[in-house]
Amino acid sequence: MKTLNFQKAFLCRTSRNIQHLPGKKYYCCSLEKDSLEITYMIHMDTKIVVDATHAFLKLLKYDVEDLGNFSIYDIIGAEVEEVNSNINKILNHGLLEIDLRQYWCKDGQILYFGSSFKVAQRDSEKYLMITLKDVTELQQMRNRLQLASQVFEHASDGILVTDIKGIIQYVNPAFAKHSGYSMDEIVGKTPGILKSGRHQTEFYQDIWNSLLTDGQWRGEIINKRKNGEHYSEWVVIDAVKNELGKTTMYCGIFRDLSERMKYEEKIRFHAYHDGLTGLPNRILFYEKINQCLALAKRYHHMMAVMYVDLDGFKHVNDNLGHDKGDLLLKAVAERLKECVRESDIVARMGGDEFTLILPEVTKSADVEIVAAKIKKQLNQTFELLGYTVTISSSIGISFYPTDGEDVDSLVKKADNAMYQAKASGKNAYRFSEQT
């Protein structure tokens, strides 16, 4: 091609310094290859890079042989339309500089430059000479700061920054959300504003000692929100040091553990409670009865265990459906709880079997009153989604220490007494001593 042949010929000519043409707005030039300036030249019509200093070639990782084989569009990180628009502004509107432009090296690396322009002419051909100022390091620092700022602003964890005296200088939106304090309310205060009163003075002194000796502290803290609510946070505090190793500030990252703790509490609840009725399950029942028995032995008082089996539940479940059976079990659980004290324990062992622990009783007659109350309550009709059903109960009762001094004996004897009540015609209660 004619243009390409001209460009090749241009590259072979001896370079000259820039010369201003009197009465013209253009310059007549070629480039000093050994100049320290980062400069390249494009043909105005083709936008092909036809000449460049060694500094340019080295920085963008091109060889002299590459000149004439790549265009400005290959090295500038911008859309073609934007590049053309800027060239038009240079030619027709006196644009002389662009503060920041992204460039692509031959190997794909990204560099950043400020640009200045001069329009040049040689043998009636127009060229654009572009001199670059490398601002890559500065721009990369700005990019890192911008990224850090975005992370700071959008982090889900709370972030707090204090000076070396512990005066709060800045908090991010997540911290404000978790604590309930706005930026204006908390800046200038100390983290002591979050104290819940749940930790001793020594706890906070240990934090400072760790920061002074190790430069970091991490652990769980119970803090207080603005509304007075206490909440747990996992906190990591770092001492931020300058290039001389001197601490200039402290930065804390606060992770609100409230949701995690609620989830863990929910998991624990389901592990130890019946999923249908919400009553303690078999596992928790045995944990509780062991605790109650230990206290009864220690303080020498009586304890009662009751085993309750529902009479007629299978008929309801089989004939009205499992949904009605489930509703009946839930209603029974509520009635059982109404029959005992708050300190007493009602559990579901599975199926239609329930147990009760009365941790401290003075005489068997008190327990008999509870048994009679349960019998009466469960004799009353149940309304289940339009169905009226009637059931009864068979109840077995054992006592510590008269019926046994260990859990297995007490449970077994209450269970046997329950079967005796059922065998006698149901809708009854029996003491273990009666079996």
Protein backbone atom coordinates (compact mmCIF):
# COMPACT_ATOMS: atom_id res chain seq x y z
CA MET A 1 0.00 0.00 0.00
CA LYS A 2 1.18 3.52 -0.78
CA THR A 3 0.59 4.79 2.75
CA LEU A 4 2.42 1.87 4.32
CA ASN A 5 5.35 2.27 1.92
CA PHE A 6 5.56 5.93 2.91
CA GLN A 7 5.53 4.95 6.60
CA LYS A 8 8.35 2.48 6.08
CA ALA A 9 10.31 5.12 4.21
CA PHE A 10 9.60 7.60 7.02
CA LEU A 11 11.09 5.24 9.58
CA CYS A 12 14.29 4.88 7.56
CA ARG A 13 15.02 8.56 7.33
CA THR A 14 17.38 10.36 9.66
CA SER A 15 15.55 11.75 12.68
CA ARG A 16 15.45 15.48 13.14
CA ASN A 17 14.40 17.75 15.98
CA ILE A 18 11.02 19.42 15.92
CA GLN A 19 10.93 22.47 13.66
CA HIS A 20 8.10 24.97 13.69
CA LEU A 21 6.89 25.99 10.22
CA PRO A 22 6.39 29.78 10.13
CA GLY A 23 2.73 30.72 9.55
CA LYS A 24 1.62 27.12 10.15
CA LYS A 25 -0.03 25.39 13.13
CA TYR A 26 1.86 22.21 12.38
CA TYR A 27 5.38 21.05 13.12
CA CYS A 28 7.81 19.35 10.78
CA CYS A 29 9.49 16.56 12.75
CA SER A 30 10.70 13.10 13.36
CA LEU A 31 11.67 11.70 16.75
CA GLU A 32 15.00 11.50 18.56
CA LYS A 33 15.06 7.78 19.29
CA ASP A 34 17.40 8.07 22.26
CA SER A 35 15.35 10.78 23.94
CA LEU A 36 14.31 9.99 27.51
CA GLU A 37 10.82 11.19 26.68
CA ILE A 38 8.09 8.58 26.24
CA THR A 39 6.90 9.72 22.85
CA TYR A 40 5.29 8.11 19.80
CA MET A 41 3.87 9.34 16.54
CA ILE A 42 0.82 8.21 14.59
CA HIS A 43 -0.19 8.83 11.00
CA MET A 44 -3.26 11.04 11.19
CA ASP A 45 -5.23 9.19 8.52
CA THR A 46 -4.45 5.57 9.33
CA LYS A 47 -3.83 5.97 13.09
CA ILE A 48 -0.83 3.62 12.65
CA VAL A 49 2.07 4.12 15.08
CA VAL A 50 4.92 5.04 12.70
CA ASP A 51 7.64 6.22 15.05
CA ALA A 52 8.52 6.09 18.74
CA THR A 53 11.37 6.77 21.11
CA HIS A 54 13.23 3.89 22.67
CA ALA A 55 11.76 4.89 26.03
CA PHE A 56 8.26 4.34 24.64
CA LEU A 57 9.14 1.02 23.03
CA LYS A 58 10.82 -0.28 26.16
CA LEU A 59 8.00 0.75 28.48
CA LEU A 60 5.23 -0.72 26.33
CA LYS A 61 7.37 -3.76 25.43
CA TYR A 62 7.36 -3.22 21.65
CA ASP A 63 10.29 -3.69 19.24
CA VAL A 64 11.37 -1.27 16.52
CA GLU A 65 10.23 -3.88 14.02
CA ASP A 66 6.70 -3.55 15.37
CA LEU A 67 6.42 0.10 14.25
CA GLY A 68 4.00 0.39 11.38
CA ASN A 69 2.22 -2.81 12.39
CA PHE A 70 -0.01 -1.56 15.22
CA SER A 71 -2.32 1.38 15.65
CA ILE A 72 -3.29 3.73 18.41
CA TYR A 73 -6.41 1.62 18.92
CA ASP A 74 -4.20 -1.33 19.92
CA ILE A 75 -2.53 0.51 22.77
CA ILE A 76 -5.12 2.91 24.21
CA GLY A 77 -7.67 1.41 26.61
CA ALA A 78 -10.68 3.26 25.24
CA GLU A 79 -13.41 2.78 22.65
CA VAL A 80 -12.59 3.71 19.06
CA GLU A 81 -15.25 6.44 19.11
CA GLU A 82 -13.69 8.08 22.17
CA VAL A 83 -10.20 8.00 20.64
CA ASN A 84 -11.43 9.53 17.39
CA SER A 85 -13.37 12.18 19.30
CA ASN A 86 -10.24 13.22 21.21
CA ILE A 87 -8.16 13.37 18.00
CA ASN A 88 -10.82 15.64 16.52
CA LYS A 89 -10.60 17.89 19.59
CA ILE A 90 -6.81 18.03 19.20
CA LEU A 91 -7.05 19.03 15.53
CA ASN A 92 -9.98 21.38 15.66
CA HIS A 93 -10.46 22.58 19.23
CA GLY A 94 -6.96 22.97 20.60
CA LEU A 95 -6.94 20.03 23.03
CA LEU A 96 -3.35 19.85 24.30
CA GLU A 97 -3.43 17.43 27.23
CA ILE A 98 -5.34 14.51 28.75
CA ASP A 99 -4.64 13.93 32.44
CA LEU A 100 -5.15 10.18 32.53
CA ARG A 101 -5.28 7.49 29.92
CA GLN A 102 -5.03 3.72 30.20
CA TYR A 103 -2.54 2.03 27.85
CA TRP A 104 -2.08 -1.62 26.96
CA CYS A 105 1.44 -3.02 26.70
CA LYS A 106 2.20 -5.59 24.04
CA ASP A 107 2.02 -8.36 26.68
CA GLY A 108 -1.33 -7.14 28.03
CA GLN A 109 -0.06 -5.26 31.07
CA ILE A 110 -1.95 -2.07 31.87
CA LEU A 111 -0.10 1.22 32.40
CA TYR A 112 -1.41 4.72 33.06
CA PHE A 113 -0.17 7.94 31.46
CA GLY A 114 -0.89 11.60 31.20
CA SER A 115 -0.70 12.75 27.55
CA SER A 116 0.32 15.92 25.71
CA PHE A 117 -0.06 16.42 21.96
CA LYS A 118 1.50 18.17 19.01
CA VAL A 119 0.31 18.02 15.44
CA ALA A 120 3.16 17.54 12.97
CA GLN A 121 3.53 17.55 9.19
CA ARG A 122 6.09 16.01 6.86
CA ASP A 123 5.91 16.01 3.08
CA SER A 124 2.22 17.00 3.19
CA GLU A 125 1.38 14.10 5.53
CA LYS A 126 -0.05 14.92 8.94
CA TYR A 127 1.01 13.20 12.13
CA LEU A 128 0.13 13.37 15.77
CA MET A 129 3.02 13.30 18.19
CA ILE A 130 2.01 12.12 21.68
CA THR A 131 4.30 12.51 24.69
CA LEU A 132 3.41 10.48 27.76
CA LYS A 133 4.02 10.98 31.46
CA ASP A 134 4.06 7.71 33.37
CA VAL A 135 1.62 7.94 36.30
CA THR A 136 1.13 4.18 36.67
CA GLU A 137 2.39 3.93 40.23
CA LEU A 138 0.31 6.90 41.35
CA GLN A 139 -2.81 5.58 39.62
CA GLN A 140 -2.35 2.09 41.01
CA MET A 141 -2.10 3.63 44.47
CA ARG A 142 -5.30 5.57 43.79
CA ASN A 143 -6.97 2.38 42.56
CA ARG A 144 -5.93 0.55 45.71
CA LEU A 145 -7.20 3.37 47.88
CA GLN A 146 -10.48 3.44 45.98
CA LEU A 147 -10.81 -0.32 46.32
CA ALA A 148 -10.03 -0.10 50.03
CA SER A 149 -12.60 2.65 50.38
CA GLN A 150 -15.24 0.57 48.61
CA VAL A 151 -14.45 -2.46 50.76
CA PHE A 152 -14.61 -0.25 53.86
CA GLU A 153 -17.95 1.24 52.86
CA HIS A 154 -19.60 -1.98 51.68
CA ALA A 155 -18.13 -4.54 54.11
CA SER A 156 -20.76 -6.52 55.99
CA ASP A 157 -18.53 -6.48 59.09
CA GLY A 158 -18.32 -3.35 61.18
CA ILE A 159 -15.02 -1.45 60.98
CA LEU A 160 -13.84 1.09 63.56
CA VAL A 161 -10.69 3.22 63.43
CA THR A 162 -9.28 5.05 66.45
CA ASP A 163 -6.21 7.18 67.09
CA ILE A 164 -3.50 5.99 69.44
CA LYS A 165 -5.48 7.31 72.41
CA GLY A 166 -8.49 5.22 71.47
CA ILE A 167 -10.61 8.13 70.20
CA ILE A 168 -12.86 6.97 67.39
CA GLN A 169 -11.97 8.63 64.09
CA TYR A 170 -14.16 6.73 61.67
CA VAL A 171 -16.67 3.88 61.42
CA ASN A 172 -18.16 2.26 58.35
CA PRO A 173 -21.91 1.94 57.61
CA ALA A 174 -22.02 -1.68 58.82
CA PHE A 175 -20.65 -0.66 62.23
CA ALA A 176 -23.25 2.10 62.48
CA LYS A 177 -25.99 -0.37 61.55
CA HIS A 178 -24.89 -2.99 64.08
CA SER A 179 -24.35 -0.58 66.96
CA GLY A 180 -27.25 1.75 66.24
CA TYR A 181 -25.00 4.82 66.50
CA SER A 182 -24.63 7.18 63.56
CA MET A 183 -21.23 8.46 62.44
CA ASP A 184 -21.84 11.82 64.10
CA GLU A 185 -22.87 10.20 67.38
CA ILE A 186 -19.83 7.96 67.76
CA VAL A 187 -16.88 9.82 66.20
CA GLY A 188 -14.90 11.53 68.94
CA LYS A 189 -16.02 9.01 71.56
CA THR A 190 -14.13 5.93 72.76
CA PRO A 191 -15.21 2.31 72.20
CA GLY A 192 -16.24 2.38 75.86
CA ILE A 193 -19.58 3.69 74.59
CA LEU A 194 -20.31 0.08 73.61
CA LYS A 195 -19.61 -1.43 77.04
CA SER A 196 -22.38 -3.76 78.18
CA GLY A 197 -21.19 -4.23 81.76
CA ARG A 198 -20.85 -7.96 81.11
CA HIS A 199 -17.03 -7.87 81.24
CA GLN A 200 -14.73 -6.97 84.13
CA THR A 201 -12.18 -4.15 83.94
CA GLU A 202 -9.43 -6.76 83.65
CA PHE A 203 -10.94 -8.00 80.39
CA TYR A 204 -10.46 -4.63 78.70
CA GLN A 205 -7.01 -4.22 80.25
CA ASP A 206 -5.99 -7.53 78.69
CA ILE A 207 -7.08 -6.19 75.30
CA TRP A 208 -4.81 -3.15 75.66
CA ASN A 209 -1.93 -5.26 76.92
CA SER A 210 -2.21 -7.53 73.86
CA LEU A 211 -2.27 -4.54 71.51
CA LEU A 212 0.78 -3.00 73.15
CA THR A 213 2.83 -6.21 73.24
CA ASP A 214 1.60 -8.20 70.22
CA GLY A 215 -0.03 -5.53 68.07
CA GLN A 216 -3.26 -7.50 67.88
CA TRP A 217 -6.17 -8.81 69.94
CA ARG A 218 -8.98 -11.11 68.87
CA GLY A 219 -11.87 -12.58 70.76
CA GLU A 220 -15.58 -12.44 71.53
CA ILE A 221 -17.10 -9.38 73.20
CA ILE A 222 -20.61 -8.76 74.46
CA ASN A 223 -21.36 -5.16 73.49
CA LYS A 224 -24.40 -2.94 73.93
CA ARG A 225 -26.32 -1.30 71.11
CA LYS A 226 -27.62 2.24 71.36
CA ASN A 227 -31.07 0.86 72.25
CA GLY A 228 -29.58 -1.02 75.21
CA GLU A 229 -29.72 -4.47 73.64
CA HIS A 230 -26.73 -6.70 74.36
CA TYR A 231 -25.19 -8.59 71.47
CA SER A 232 -22.13 -10.74 70.85
CA GLU A 233 -19.41 -9.80 68.38
CA TRP A 234 -16.23 -11.47 67.21
CA VAL A 235 -13.63 -8.69 67.22
CA VAL A 236 -10.16 -8.44 65.69
CA ILE A 237 -8.18 -5.30 66.62
CA ASP A 238 -4.85 -4.45 64.98
CA ALA A 239 -2.30 -1.79 65.80
CA VAL A 240 -1.51 0.03 62.52
CA LYS A 241 2.14 1.06 62.33
CA ASN A 242 4.02 3.49 60.08
CA GLU A 243 7.26 2.79 58.22
CA LEU A 244 9.21 3.49 61.42
CA GLY A 245 7.27 0.80 63.30
CA LYS A 246 5.40 3.33 65.42
CA THR A 247 1.71 2.76 66.09
CA THR A 248 -0.36 5.50 64.49
CA MET A 249 -3.89 4.12 64.87
CA TYR A 250 -5.95 1.09 65.80
CA CYS A 251 -8.36 -0.67 63.46
CA GLY A 252 -11.05 -3.03 64.71
CA ILE A 253 -13.23 -5.38 62.68
CA PHE A 254 -16.49 -6.35 64.38
CA ARG A 255 -18.59 -9.32 63.25
CA ASP A 256 -22.08 -9.41 64.73
CA LEU A 257 -22.71 -12.94 66.00
CA SER A 258 -26.39 -12.38 66.81
CA GLU A 259 -27.77 -14.23 63.79
CA ARG A 260 -25.25 -17.04 64.15
CA MET A 261 -26.10 -17.42 67.82
CA LYS A 262 -29.83 -17.42 67.06
CA TYR A 263 -29.23 -20.13 64.47
CA GLU A 264 -27.09 -22.17 66.87
CA GLU A 265 -29.71 -21.75 69.58
CA LYS A 266 -32.36 -22.96 67.15
CA ILE A 267 -30.24 -26.00 66.29
CA ARG A 268 -29.71 -26.73 69.99
CA PHE A 269 -33.41 -26.34 70.68
CA HIS A 270 -34.39 -28.81 67.96
CA ALA A 271 -31.76 -31.25 69.20
CA TYR A 272 -33.31 -31.31 72.67
CA HIS A 273 -36.98 -30.63 72.01
CA ASP A 274 -39.83 -32.43 70.32
CA GLY A 275 -40.42 -30.95 66.88
CA LEU A 276 -44.20 -31.21 67.13
CA THR A 277 -45.05 -30.07 70.65
CA GLY A 278 -41.92 -28.08 71.56
CA LEU A 279 -41.62 -30.08 74.78
CA PRO A 280 -38.27 -31.48 75.95
CA ASN A 281 -37.55 -34.71 74.08
CA ARG A 282 -36.21 -38.01 75.42
CA ILE A 283 -32.61 -36.74 75.40
CA LEU A 284 -33.40 -33.61 77.41
CA PHE A 285 -35.72 -35.56 79.70
CA TYR A 286 -32.88 -37.81 80.82
CA GLU A 287 -30.56 -34.82 81.22
CA LYS A 288 -33.12 -33.05 83.39
CA ILE A 289 -34.03 -36.08 85.49
CA ASN A 290 -30.36 -36.67 86.29
CA GLN A 291 -30.00 -33.06 87.40
CA CYS A 292 -33.16 -33.22 89.51
CA LEU A 293 -32.14 -36.51 91.10
CA ALA A 294 -28.73 -35.11 92.04
CA LEU A 295 -30.41 -32.15 93.76
CA ALA A 296 -32.91 -34.41 95.53
CA LYS A 297 -30.07 -36.51 96.91
CA ARG A 298 -28.09 -33.44 97.94
CA TYR A 299 -30.96 -31.70 99.75
CA HIS A 300 -32.77 -34.88 100.90
CA HIS A 301 -36.19 -34.20 99.45
CA MET A 302 -38.70 -36.35 97.57
CA MET A 303 -38.98 -36.32 93.80
CA ALA A 304 -41.74 -37.78 91.62
CA VAL A 305 -41.71 -39.18 88.10
CA MET A 306 -44.95 -39.57 86.10
CA TYR A 307 -45.45 -41.60 82.94
CA VAL A 308 -48.55 -40.65 80.90
CA ASP A 309 -49.95 -42.69 78.01
CA LEU A 310 -52.99 -41.55 76.02
CA ASP A 311 -55.97 -43.91 75.79
CA GLY A 312 -57.72 -43.72 72.42
CA PHE A 313 -55.06 -41.78 70.55
CA LYS A 314 -54.51 -44.53 67.97
CA HIS A 315 -58.20 -44.50 67.08
CA VAL A 316 -58.09 -40.74 66.44
CA ASN A 317 -54.88 -40.97 64.44
CA ASP A 318 -56.06 -43.91 62.30
CA ASN A 319 -59.60 -42.71 61.64
CA LEU A 320 -59.29 -38.93 61.45
CA GLY A 321 -55.80 -38.72 59.97
CA HIS A 322 -52.31 -37.90 61.16
CA ASP A 323 -52.94 -34.17 60.93
CA LYS A 324 -55.70 -34.48 63.53
CA GLY A 325 -53.48 -36.76 65.58
CA ASP A 326 -50.73 -34.14 65.56
CA LEU A 327 -53.17 -31.45 66.66
CA LEU A 328 -54.31 -33.68 69.49
CA LEU A 329 -50.75 -34.24 70.70
CA LYS A 330 -50.06 -30.51 70.69
CA ALA A 331 -53.25 -29.84 72.65
CA VAL A 332 -52.38 -32.55 75.18
CA ALA A 333 -48.95 -30.99 75.68
CA GLU A 334 -50.54 -27.64 76.49
CA ARG A 335 -52.97 -29.17 78.97
CA LEU A 336 -50.20 -31.09 80.71
CA LYS A 337 -48.20 -27.90 81.18
CA GLU A 338 -51.27 -26.26 82.73
CA CYS A 339 -51.45 -29.00 85.34
CA VAL A 340 -47.99 -28.50 86.86
CA ARG A 341 -45.80 -25.79 88.35
CA GLU A 342 -43.34 -23.76 86.30
CA SER A 343 -40.50 -25.59 88.01
CA ASP A 344 -41.88 -28.99 86.96
CA ILE A 345 -40.86 -30.58 83.68
CA VAL A 346 -43.12 -32.03 80.97
CA ALA A 347 -41.51 -34.07 78.18
CA ARG A 348 -42.65 -36.12 75.22
CA MET A 349 -40.92 -39.48 75.00
CA GLY A 350 -42.34 -40.30 71.58
CA GLY A 351 -45.66 -41.40 70.08
CA ASP A 352 -48.44 -40.74 72.60
CA GLU A 353 -46.24 -41.12 75.69
CA PHE A 354 -45.38 -38.19 77.95
CA THR A 355 -43.34 -37.93 81.13
CA LEU A 356 -43.36 -35.43 83.97
CA ILE A 357 -40.71 -34.66 86.58
CA LEU A 358 -41.80 -33.03 89.83
CA PRO A 359 -38.35 -32.14 91.25
CA GLU A 360 -39.44 -31.42 94.82
CA VAL A 361 -42.53 -32.73 96.59
CA THR A 362 -43.33 -32.97 100.29
CA LYS A 363 -45.77 -35.90 100.25
CA SER A 364 -47.33 -38.35 97.80
CA ALA A 365 -50.74 -36.75 98.25
CA ASP A 366 -49.49 -33.63 96.45
CA VAL A 367 -48.56 -35.75 93.44
CA GLU A 368 -51.91 -37.52 93.53
CA ILE A 369 -53.59 -34.11 93.20
CA VAL A 370 -51.53 -33.44 90.06
CA ALA A 371 -52.40 -36.88 88.64
CA ALA A 372 -56.11 -36.30 89.25
CA LYS A 373 -55.86 -32.90 87.58
CA ILE A 374 -54.18 -34.42 84.51
CA LYS A 375 -56.80 -37.16 84.33
CA LYS A 376 -59.58 -34.58 84.47
CA GLN A 377 -58.01 -32.26 81.92
CA LEU A 378 -57.42 -35.04 79.37
CA ASN A 379 -60.97 -36.34 79.84
CA GLN A 380 -62.34 -33.10 78.47
CA THR A 381 -63.18 -32.99 74.76
CA PHE A 382 -60.75 -31.71 72.12
CA GLU A 383 -61.85 -29.70 69.10
CA LEU A 384 -59.73 -30.68 66.07
CA LEU A 385 -60.61 -28.82 62.84
CA GLY A 386 -64.32 -29.41 63.19
CA TYR A 387 -64.02 -32.81 64.88
CA THR A 388 -64.81 -33.32 68.55
CA VAL A 389 -62.84 -36.13 70.14
CA THR A 390 -62.61 -37.59 73.61
CA ILE A 391 -59.66 -39.51 75.05
CA SER A 392 -58.40 -40.51 78.47
CA SER A 393 -55.04 -41.25 80.04
CA SER A 394 -53.24 -43.94 81.97
CA ILE A 395 -50.70 -42.57 84.45
CA GLY A 396 -47.93 -44.29 86.37
CA ILE A 397 -46.06 -42.64 89.28
CA SER A 398 -42.79 -43.42 91.07
CA PHE A 399 -40.96 -41.61 93.87
CA TYR A 400 -37.42 -41.01 94.94
CA PRO A 401 -36.21 -42.42 97.26
CA THR A 402 -38.90 -44.98 98.04
CA ASP A 403 -39.12 -46.50 94.52
CA GLY A 404 -35.47 -46.21 93.60
CA GLU A 405 -32.34 -44.11 93.90
CA ASP A 406 -31.29 -44.11 90.26
CA VAL A 407 -32.87 -42.80 87.06
CA ASP A 408 -33.45 -46.14 85.39
CA SER A 409 -35.29 -47.54 88.39
CA LEU A 410 -37.54 -44.52 88.73
CA VAL A 411 -38.44 -44.41 85.03
CA LYS A 412 -38.98 -48.15 84.80
CA LYS A 413 -41.24 -48.25 87.85
CA ALA A 414 -43.30 -45.28 86.61
CA ASP A 415 -43.64 -47.02 83.24
CA ASN A 416 -44.73 -50.28 84.87
CA ALA A 417 -47.26 -48.42 87.00
CA MET A 418 -48.66 -46.79 83.87
CA TYR A 419 -49.20 -50.22 82.27
CA GLN A 420 -50.94 -51.38 85.44
CA ALA A 421 -53.27 -48.38 85.19
CA LYS A 422 -54.00 -49.24 81.57
CA ALA A 423 -54.55 -52.92 82.42
CA SER A 424 -57.04 -51.98 85.15
CA GLY A 425 -59.35 -50.39 82.60
CA LYS A 426 -57.53 -47.21 81.56
CA ASN A 427 -58.42 -43.65 82.52
CA ALA A 428 -56.65 -44.13 85.83
CA TYR A 429 -53.42 -43.49 87.71
CA ARG A 430 -51.34 -45.88 89.75
CA PHE A 431 -48.42 -45.49 92.16
CA SER A 432 -45.48 -47.81 91.80
CA GLU A 433 -46.07 -49.23 95.30
CA GLN A 434 -49.51 -50.36 94.11
CA THR A 435 -48.10 -52.57 91.31
